[in-house]
C-alpha atoms as a PDB file:
ATOM      1  CA  MET A   1       0.000   0.000   0.000  1.00  0.00           C
ATOM      2  CA  ALA A   2       1.279   3.489  -0.769  1.00  0.00           C
ATOM      3  CA  GLY A   3       0.132   7.098  -0.973  1.00  0.00           C
ATOM      4  CA  ILE A   4      -3.543   7.971  -0.850  1.00  0.00           C
ATOM      5  CA  THR A   5      -4.562   4.347  -1.466  1.00  0.00           C
ATOM      6  CA  ALA A   6      -2.932   3.381   1.811  1.00  0.00           C
ATOM      7  CA  VAL A   7      -4.685   6.216   3.635  1.00  0.00           C
ATOM      8  CA  ASP A   8      -8.060   5.230   2.195  1.00  0.00           C
ATOM      9  CA  GLU A   9      -7.670   1.551   3.080  1.00  0.00           C
ATOM     10  CA  ILE A  10      -6.363   2.179   6.596  1.00  0.00           C
ATOM     11  CA  ARG A  11      -9.032   4.801   7.245  1.00  0.00           C
ATOM     12  CA  GLU A  12     -11.803   2.388   6.287  1.00  0.00           C
ATOM     13  CA  THR A  13     -10.310  -0.379   8.417  1.00  0.00           C
ATOM     14  CA  LEU A  14     -10.035   1.891  11.448  1.00  0.00           C
ATOM     15  CA  ARG A  15     -13.468   3.405  10.848  1.00  0.00           C
ATOM     16  CA  ARG A  16     -15.018  -0.057  10.874  1.00  0.00           C
ATOM     17  CA  GLU A  17     -13.091  -1.059  13.984  1.00  0.00           C
ATOM     18  CA  ILE A  18     -14.052   2.144  15.794  1.00  0.00           C
ATOM     19  CA  MET A  19     -17.733   1.517  15.098  1.00  0.00           C
ATOM     20  CA  GLU A  20     -17.566  -2.157  16.101  1.00  0.00           C
ATOM     21  CA  ASN A  21     -14.968  -2.391  18.872  1.00  0.00           C
ATOM     22  CA  TYR A  22     -14.569   1.008  20.540  1.00  0.00           C
ATOM     23  CA  THR A  23     -16.724   3.246  22.679  1.00  0.00           C
ATOM     24  CA  VAL A  24     -16.579   7.015  23.105  1.00  0.00           C
ATOM     25  CA  GLY A  25     -13.535   7.922  25.223  1.00  0.00           C
ATOM     26  CA  ASP A  26     -11.414   4.933  24.209  1.00  0.00           C
ATOM     27  CA  TYR A  27      -7.963   5.532  22.761  1.00  0.00           C
ATOM     28  CA  LEU A  28      -6.620   4.128  19.509  1.00  0.00           C
ATOM     29  CA  PRO A  29      -3.152   2.589  19.394  1.00  0.00           C
ATOM     30  CA  THR A  30      -0.271   5.044  19.011  1.00  0.00           C
ATOM     31  CA  GLU A  31       0.973   6.233  15.635  1.00  0.00           C
ATOM     32  CA  ARG A  32       4.019   3.959  15.986  1.00  0.00           C
ATOM     33  CA  GLU A  33       1.865   0.923  16.781  1.00  0.00           C
ATOM     34  CA  LEU A  34      -0.482   1.601  13.888  1.00  0.00           C
ATOM     35  CA  ALA A  35       2.419   2.184  11.500  1.00  0.00           C
ATOM     36  CA  GLU A  36       3.946  -1.169  12.482  1.00  0.00           C
ATOM     37  CA  ARG A  37       0.620  -2.951  12.191  1.00  0.00           C
ATOM     38  CA  PHE A  38      -0.124  -1.679   8.664  1.00  0.00           C
ATOM     39  CA  GLY A  39       3.482  -1.575   7.454  1.00  0.00           C
ATOM     40  CA  VAL A  40       3.424   2.102   6.522  1.00  0.00           C
ATOM     41  CA  SER A  41       5.149   5.280   7.637  1.00  0.00           C
ATOM     42  CA  ARG A  42       3.965   7.318  10.615  1.00  0.00           C
ATOM     43  CA  ASN A  43       3.209  10.172   8.174  1.00  0.00           C
ATOM     44  CA  THR A  44       0.656   7.918   6.458  1.00  0.00           C
ATOM     45  CA  ILE A  45      -0.942   7.125   9.823  1.00  0.00           C
ATOM     46  CA  ARG A  46      -0.918  10.814  10.719  1.00  0.00           C
ATOM     47  CA  GLU A  47      -2.784  11.647   7.499  1.00  0.00           C
ATOM     48  CA  THR A  48      -5.258   8.835   8.176  1.00  0.00           C
ATOM     49  CA  ILE A  49      -5.987  10.227  11.643  1.00  0.00           C
ATOM     50  CA  ILE A  50      -6.629  13.657  10.097  1.00  0.00           C
ATOM     51  CA  HIS A  51      -9.286  12.023   7.879  1.00  0.00           C
ATOM     52  CA  LEU A  52     -10.882  10.337  10.905  1.00  0.00           C
ATOM     53  CA  GLU A  53     -10.898  13.702  12.676  1.00  0.00           C
ATOM     54  CA  ALA A  54     -12.681  15.267   9.709  1.00  0.00           C
ATOM     55  CA  PHE A  55     -15.411  12.632  10.106  1.00  0.00           C
ATOM     56  CA  GLN A  56     -15.451  13.461  13.848  1.00  0.00           C
ATOM     57  CA  LEU A  57     -14.731   9.836  14.736  1.00  0.00           C
ATOM     58  CA  VAL A  58     -11.637  10.748  16.798  1.00  0.00           C
ATOM     59  CA  ARG A  59     -10.030  13.792  18.330  1.00  0.00           C
ATOM     60  CA  LYS A  60      -6.367  14.423  19.019  1.00  0.00           C
ATOM     61  CA  THR A  61      -5.157  14.368  22.612  1.00  0.00           C
ATOM     62  CA  LYS A  62      -1.723  14.203  24.278  1.00  0.00           C
ATOM     63  CA  ARG A  63      -2.330  10.489  24.816  1.00  0.00           C
ATOM     64  CA  GLY A  64      -3.170   9.935  21.154  1.00  0.00           C
ATOM     65  CA  PRO A  65      -6.368   9.682  19.053  1.00  0.00           C
ATOM     66  CA  GLN A  66      -9.437   9.390  21.281  1.00  0.00           C
ATOM     67  CA  VAL A  67     -12.758   8.086  19.996  1.00  0.00           C
ATOM     68  CA  SER A  68     -15.385  10.830  19.990  1.00  0.00           C
ATOM     69  CA  LYS A  69     -19.114  11.003  19.363  1.00  0.00           C
ATOM     70  CA  PRO A  70     -19.654  12.087  15.734  1.00  0.00           C
ATOM     71  CA  ASP A  71     -22.008  15.011  15.190  1.00  0.00           C
ATOM     72  CA  PHE A  72     -23.513  14.018  11.833  1.00  0.00           C
ATOM     73  CA  ASP A  73     -25.900  16.978  11.867  1.00  0.00           C
ATOM     74  CA  VAL A  74     -23.021  19.457  11.736  1.00  0.00           C
ATOM     75  CA  MET A  75     -21.268  17.447   9.021  1.00  0.00           C
ATOM     76  CA  PHE A  76     -24.256  17.281   6.699  1.00  0.00           C
ATOM     77  CA  GLN A  77     -25.303  20.877   7.329  1.00  0.00           C
ATOM     78  CA  GLY A  78     -21.932  21.848   5.911  1.00  0.00           C
ATOM     79  CA  PHE A  79     -22.643  19.883   2.749  1.00  0.00           C
ATOM     80  CA  THR A  80     -26.091  21.425   2.225  1.00  0.00           C
ATOM     81  CA  GLN A  81     -24.593  24.912   2.090  1.00  0.00           C
ATOM     82  CA  PHE A  82     -23.520  24.059  -1.450  1.00  0.00           C
ATOM     83  CA  PHE A  83     -27.021  23.356  -2.761  1.00  0.00           C
ATOM     84  CA  ALA A  84     -27.667  25.033  -6.093  1.00  0.00           C
ATOM     85  CA  THR A  85     -30.065  27.972  -6.327  1.00  0.00           C
ATOM     86  CA  SER A  86     -31.635  26.889  -9.598  1.00  0.00           C
ATOM     87  CA  SER A  87     -35.391  26.932 -10.145  1.00  0.00           C
ATOM     88  CA  GLN A  88     -35.482  23.142  -9.956  1.00  0.00           C
ATOM     89  CA  THR A  89     -33.662  23.095  -6.617  1.00  0.00           C
ATOM     90  CA  PHE A  90     -36.209  25.485  -5.103  1.00  0.00           C
ATOM     91  CA  VAL A  91     -39.005  23.264  -6.400  1.00  0.00           C
ATOM     92  CA  ASP A  92     -37.262  20.173  -5.035  1.00  0.00           C
ATOM     93  CA  VAL A  93     -36.918  21.749  -1.576  1.00  0.00           C
ATOM     94  CA  LEU A  94     -40.612  22.672  -1.474  1.00  0.00           C
ATOM     95  CA  ASN A  95     -41.616  19.176  -2.567  1.00  0.00           C
ATOM     96  CA  PHE A  96     -39.247  17.700   0.038  1.00  0.00           C
ATOM     97  CA  ARG A  97     -41.099  19.678   2.701  1.00  0.00           C
ATOM     98  CA  ARG A  98     -44.502  18.623   1.381  1.00  0.00           C
ATOM     99  CA  ILE A  99     -43.585  14.935   1.299  1.00  0.00           C
ATOM    100  CA  VAL A 100     -41.909  14.876   4.715  1.00  0.00           C
ATOM    101  CA  GLU A 101     -44.397  17.019   6.632  1.00  0.00           C
ATOM    102  CA  SER A 102     -47.514  15.468   5.098  1.00  0.00           C
ATOM    103  CA  GLY A 103     -46.071  12.011   5.648  1.00  0.00           C
ATOM    104  CA  ALA A 104     -45.498  12.820   9.323  1.00  0.00           C
ATOM    105  CA  VAL A 105     -49.165  13.674   9.954  1.00  0.00           C
ATOM    106  CA  PRO A 106     -50.126  10.362  11.651  1.00  0.00           C
ATOM    107  CA  LEU A 107     -47.159  10.611  14.046  1.00  0.00           C
ATOM    108  CA  ILE A 108     -47.806  14.280  14.804  1.00  0.00           C
ATOM    109  CA  ILE A 109     -51.473  13.622  15.577  1.00  0.00           C
ATOM    110  CA  ARG A 110     -50.604  10.710  17.835  1.00  0.00           C
ATOM    111  CA  ASN A 111     -47.551  12.075  19.647  1.00  0.00           C
ATOM    112  CA  ALA A 112     -47.837  15.880  19.835  1.00  0.00           C
ATOM    113  CA  THR A 113     -47.748  17.363  23.336  1.00  0.00           C
ATOM    114  CA  SER A 114     -48.938  20.704  24.648  1.00  0.00           C
ATOM    115  CA  GLU A 115     -45.291  21.811  24.788  1.00  0.00           C
ATOM    116  CA  ASP A 116     -44.901  21.023  21.081  1.00  0.00           C
ATOM    117  CA  VAL A 117     -47.952  23.107  20.225  1.00  0.00           C
ATOM    118  CA  GLU A 118     -46.684  25.975  22.374  1.00  0.00           C
ATOM    119  CA  LYS A 119     -43.411  25.997  20.436  1.00  0.00           C
ATOM    120  CA  MET A 120     -45.311  26.098  17.143  1.00  0.00           C
ATOM    121  CA  ASP A 121     -47.489  28.964  18.357  1.00  0.00           C
ATOM    122  CA  GLU A 122     -44.509  30.898  19.730  1.00  0.00           C
ATOM    123  CA  ALA A 123     -42.613  30.621  16.437  1.00  0.00           C
ATOM    124  CA  ASN A 124     -45.664  31.645  14.418  1.00  0.00           C
ATOM    125  CA  ARG A 125     -46.266  34.734  16.523  1.00  0.00           C
ATOM    126  CA  ALA A 126     -42.578  35.668  16.293  1.00  0.00           C
ATOM    127  CA  MET A 127     -42.717  35.266  12.501  1.00  0.00           C
ATOM    128  CA  GLY A 128     -45.543  37.777  12.314  1.00  0.00           C
ATOM    129  CA  VAL A 129     -43.576  40.531  14.078  1.00  0.00           C
ATOM    130  CA  ALA A 130     -40.107  39.818  12.652  1.00  0.00           C
ATOM    131  CA  MET A 131     -38.398  42.937  11.307  1.00  0.00           C
ATOM    132  CA  THR A 132     -36.442  41.344   8.444  1.00  0.00           C
ATOM    133  CA  ALA A 133     -37.042  38.656   5.828  1.00  0.00           C
ATOM    134  CA  ALA A 134     -34.226  36.561   7.285  1.00  0.00           C
ATOM    135  CA  ALA A 135     -35.659  36.785  10.806  1.00  0.00           C
ATOM    136  CA  SER A 136     -39.129  35.914   9.531  1.00  0.00           C
ATOM    137  CA  ALA A 137     -37.741  32.924   7.612  1.00  0.00           C
ATOM    138  CA  GLU A 138     -35.939  31.760  10.748  1.00  0.00           C
ATOM    139  CA  GLN A 139     -39.198  31.746  12.722  1.00  0.00           C
ATOM    140  CA  ASP A 140     -41.012  30.044   9.840  1.00  0.00           C
ATOM    141  CA  TYR A 141     -38.365  27.310   9.925  1.00  0.00           C
ATOM    142  CA  ARG A 142     -38.751  27.043  13.717  1.00  0.00           C
ATOM    143  CA  PHE A 143     -42.500  26.603  13.299  1.00  0.00           C
ATOM    144  CA  HIS A 144     -42.136  23.710  10.873  1.00  0.00           C
ATOM    145  CA  LEU A 145     -39.281  22.189  12.885  1.00  0.00           C
ATOM    146  CA  ALA A 146     -41.472  22.261  16.019  1.00  0.00           C
ATOM    147  CA  MET A 147     -44.204  20.500  14.059  1.00  0.00           C
ATOM    148  CA  ILE A 148     -41.763  17.833  12.856  1.00  0.00           C
ATOM    149  CA  ASP A 149     -40.417  17.454  16.406  1.00  0.00           C
ATOM    150  CA  ALA A 150     -44.010  16.873  17.519  1.00  0.00           C
ATOM    151  CA  ALA A 151     -43.867  13.542  15.660  1.00  0.00           C
ATOM    152  CA  HIS A 152     -41.243  12.456  18.221  1.00  0.00           C
ATOM    153  CA  ASN A 153     -39.292  10.562  15.583  1.00  0.00           C
ATOM    154  CA  ASP A 154     -35.571  11.174  15.991  1.00  0.00           C
ATOM    155  CA  VAL A 155     -34.720  10.372  12.361  1.00  0.00           C
ATOM    156  CA  LEU A 156     -37.282  12.870  11.037  1.00  0.00           C
ATOM    157  CA  SER A 157     -36.088  15.589  13.412  1.00  0.00           C
ATOM    158  CA  ARG A 158     -32.441  15.017  12.518  1.00  0.00           C
ATOM    159  CA  MET A 159     -33.193  15.035   8.802  1.00  0.00           C
ATOM    160  CA  TYR A 160     -35.064  18.338   9.083  1.00  0.00           C
ATOM    161  CA  ARG A 161     -32.178  19.886  11.008  1.00  0.00           C
ATOM    162  CA  VAL A 162     -29.670  18.581   8.481  1.00  0.00           C
ATOM    163  CA  MET A 163     -31.640  20.422   5.768  1.00  0.00           C
ATOM    164  CA  SER A 164     -31.829  23.665   7.761  1.00  0.00           C
ATOM    165  CA  VAL A 165     -29.575  25.696   5.444  1.00  0.00           C
ATOM    166  CA  PRO A 166     -31.501  25.171   2.167  1.00  0.00           C
ATOM    167  CA  LEU A 167     -34.829  25.251   4.031  1.00  0.00           C
ATOM    168  CA  ARG A 168     -34.099  28.660   5.561  1.00  0.00           C
ATOM    169  CA  PHE A 169     -32.819  29.923   2.232  1.00  0.00           C
ATOM    170  CA  TYR A 170     -36.014  28.780   0.511  1.00  0.00           C
ATOM    171  CA  LEU A 171     -38.273  30.219   3.220  1.00  0.00           C
ATOM    172  CA  GLU A 172     -36.869  33.704   2.653  1.00  0.00           C
ATOM    173  CA  VAL A 173     -38.389  33.716  -0.837  1.00  0.00           C
ATOM    174  CA  GLY A 174     -41.836  34.895   0.201  1.00  0.00           C
ATOM    175  CA  LYS A 175     -40.825  36.883   3.245  1.00  0.00           C
ATOM    176  CA  SER A 176     -40.272  40.143   1.396  1.00  0.00           C
ATOM    177  CA  HIS A 177     -44.009  40.266   0.645  1.00  0.00           C
ATOM    178  CA  SER A 178     -46.122  41.082   3.689  1.00  0.00           C
ATOM    179  CA  PRO A 179     -49.374  39.626   2.275  1.00  0.00           C
ATOM    180  CA  ALA A 180     -47.687  36.258   1.676  1.00  0.00           C
ATOM    181  CA  THR A 181     -46.284  36.241   5.220  1.00  0.00           C
ATOM    182  CA  ALA A 182     -49.653  37.174   6.713  1.00  0.00           C
ATOM    183  CA  THR A 183     -51.342  34.373   4.760  1.00  0.00           C
ATOM    184  CA  ALA A 184     -48.691  31.912   5.944  1.00  0.00           C
ATOM    185  CA  ALA A 185     -49.294  32.958   9.563  1.00  0.00           C
ATOM    186  CA  GLU A 186     -53.045  32.374   9.185  1.00  0.00           C
ATOM    187  CA  GLN A 187     -52.399  28.961   7.677  1.00  0.00           C
ATOM    188  CA  HIS A 188     -50.011  28.136  10.502  1.00  0.00           C
ATOM    189  CA  ASN A 189     -52.810  28.893  12.940  1.00  0.00           C
ATOM    190  CA  ARG A 190     -55.043  26.450  11.084  1.00  0.00           C
ATOM    191  CA  ILE A 191     -52.302  23.829  11.353  1.00  0.00           C
ATOM    192  CA  ILE A 192     -51.967  24.471  15.084  1.00  0.00           C
ATOM    193  CA  THR A 193     -55.727  24.071  15.562  1.00  0.00           C
ATOM    194  CA  ALA A 194     -55.695  20.756  13.704  1.00  0.00           C
ATOM    195  CA  VAL A 195     -52.829  19.452  15.858  1.00  0.00           C
ATOM    196  CA  ASN A 196     -54.571  20.630  19.023  1.00  0.00           C
ATOM    197  CA  GLN A 197     -57.776  18.846  18.038  1.00  0.00           C
ATOM    198  CA  ARG A 198     -55.868  15.755  16.858  1.00  0.00           C
ATOM    199  CA  GLY A 199     -57.630  15.787  13.510  1.00  0.00           C
ATOM    200  CA  PRO A 200     -55.586  13.946  10.851  1.00  0.00           C
ATOM    201  CA  GLU A 201     -57.866  14.931   7.976  1.00  0.00           C
ATOM    202  CA  GLU A 202     -57.918  18.552   9.131  1.00  0.00           C
ATOM    203  CA  LEU A 203     -54.125  18.640   9.478  1.00  0.00           C
ATOM    204  CA  THR A 204     -53.620  17.056   6.053  1.00  0.00           C
ATOM    205  CA  ALA A 205     -55.979  19.602   4.493  1.00  0.00           C
ATOM    206  CA  ALA A 206     -54.323  22.505   6.322  1.00  0.00           C
ATOM    207  CA  LEU A 207     -50.861  21.418   5.182  1.00  0.00           C
ATOM    208  CA  GLY A 208     -52.100  20.935   1.623  1.00  0.00           C
ATOM    209  CA  ALA A 209     -53.496  24.473   1.506  1.00  0.00           C
ATOM    210  CA  HIS A 210     -50.291  25.816   3.043  1.00  0.00           C
ATOM    211  CA  PHE A 211     -48.063  24.139   0.489  1.00  0.00           C
ATOM    212  CA  ASP A 212     -50.332  25.187  -2.370  1.00  0.00           C
ATOM    213  CA  HIS A 213     -49.891  28.775  -1.169  1.00  0.00           C
ATOM    214  CA  SER A 214     -46.121  28.273  -0.848  1.00  0.00           C
ATOM    215  CA  GLY A 215     -46.024  26.819  -4.342  1.00  0.00           C
ATOM    216  CA  LYS A 216     -47.870  29.795  -5.800  1.00  0.00           C
ATOM    217  CA  THR A 217     -45.557  32.214  -3.979  1.00  0.00           C
ATOM    218  CA  LEU A 218     -42.508  30.317  -5.220  1.00  0.00           C
ATOM    219  CA  ALA A 219     -43.771  30.159  -8.805  1.00  0.00           C
ATOM    220  CA  ASP A 220     -44.417  33.919  -8.837  1.00  0.00           C
ATOM    221  CA  TRP A 221     -40.964  34.622  -7.404  1.00  0.00           C
ATOM    222  CA  LEU A 222     -39.214  32.309  -9.870  1.00  0.00           C
ATOM    223  CA  ALA A 223     -41.115  33.891 -12.763  1.00  0.00           C
ATOM    224  CA  SER A 224     -39.969  37.351 -11.676  1.00  0.00           C
ATOM    225  CA  ARG A 225     -36.402  36.140 -11.216  1.00  0.00           C
ATOM    226  CA  ASP A 226     -35.970  33.804 -14.175  1.00  0.00           C
ATOM    227  CA  GLY A 227     -38.612  35.008 -16.621  1.00  0.00           C
ATOM    228  CA  ALA A 228     -41.256  33.090 -18.514  1.00  0.00           C
ATOM    229  CA  ASP A 229     -39.349  29.798 -18.360  1.00  0.00           C
ATOM    230  CA  ALA A 230     -39.849  29.468 -14.600  1.00  0.00           C
ATOM    231  CA  PRO A 231     -42.100  26.561 -13.598  1.00  0.00           C
ATOM    232  CA  ALA A 232     -45.743  27.575 -13.410  1.00  0.00           C
ATOM    233  CA  GLU A 233     -46.782  24.456 -11.534  1.00  0.00           C
ATOM    234  CA  ILE A 234     -44.883  23.306  -8.459  1.00  0.00           C
ATOM    235  CA  TRP A 235     -46.895  20.265  -7.476  1.00  0.00           C
ATOM    236  CA  PRO A 236     -48.902  18.210 -10.012  1.00  0.00           C
ATOM    237  CA  PRO A 237     -52.617  18.348  -9.049  1.00  0.00           C
ATOM    238  CA  THR A 238     -53.220  14.929 -10.597  1.00  0.00           C
ATOM    239  CA  LEU A 239     -51.166  11.775 -10.948  1.00  0.00           C
ATOM    240  CA  GLU A 240     -51.151  11.364 -14.698  1.00  0.00           C
ATOM    241  CA  ARG A 241     -49.616   8.249 -16.187  1.00  0.00           C
ATOM    242  CA  ARG A 242     -46.743   8.900 -18.555  1.00  0.00           C
ATOM    243  CA  ASN A 243     -47.102   7.436 -22.025  1.00  0.00           C
ATOM    244  CA  THR A 244     -43.405   6.580 -22.162  1.00  0.00           C
ATOM    245  CA  PRO A 245     -42.417   3.351 -20.379  1.00  0.00           C
ATOM    246  CA  ILE A 246     -39.377   3.209 -18.101  1.00  0.00           C
ATOM    247  CA  THR A 247     -36.814   0.729 -19.411  1.00  0.00           C
ATOM    248  CA  SER A 248     -33.552  -0.531 -18.015  1.00  0.00           C
ATOM    249  CA  GLY A 249     -31.797   2.232 -19.908  1.00  0.00           C
ATOM    250  CA  GLY A 250     -33.983   4.992 -18.475  1.00  0.00           C
ATOM    251  CA  ILE A 251     -36.963   6.844 -19.954  1.00  0.00           C
ATOM    252  CA  LYS A 252     -37.151   6.334 -23.699  1.00  0.00           C
END
């Protein structure tokens, strides 16, 4: 093994061993011991440890590399900062929200607590009095995050936090228009009422109306930014069957 190939192979071996055989706080063997084990230079081991640090699997200490608890949220939030700002990306983010939040309805209805509803209401009221578009978007995000948290599903909550950068960026789109923000606040109140009353049909309908409004706001904004080629329809109102079959080589 030599060069980057050696680093890649050793990193994967140690990553697997860390996940299977170590707990947080344990120490890895020393650089000298690892170099002897893998038959490489200490510089190669040093570079490998830097890679493991980047993945937050270890941290450097005077006693050597110590296993740490990886913060995957922080890692992935960094990646999402590089999302494109194309029309299609904005549409994809809105549809991501619609799919995730509508899909969480049964869990929200079953698991929401009074504290969850209070957080939603607090964020909605703060959105209505925010002084800037960015501040309003932040409170809008907090409202929807509180609703997702009300499902009490750790994977859903983590995923929504991981997507916080593009979600906040998208939510600023309609915040420069007071009527759109006021309409969103009214729709949020309808969502809160549905959660309070534990009405799945009412919550589904309230979310549908909210996303239809968001889609219209987004379409108008994209049209003003990109011109006539911007998408006029964000979410298909009907599930129409395509006439072209999907083959092993893609859509023909």
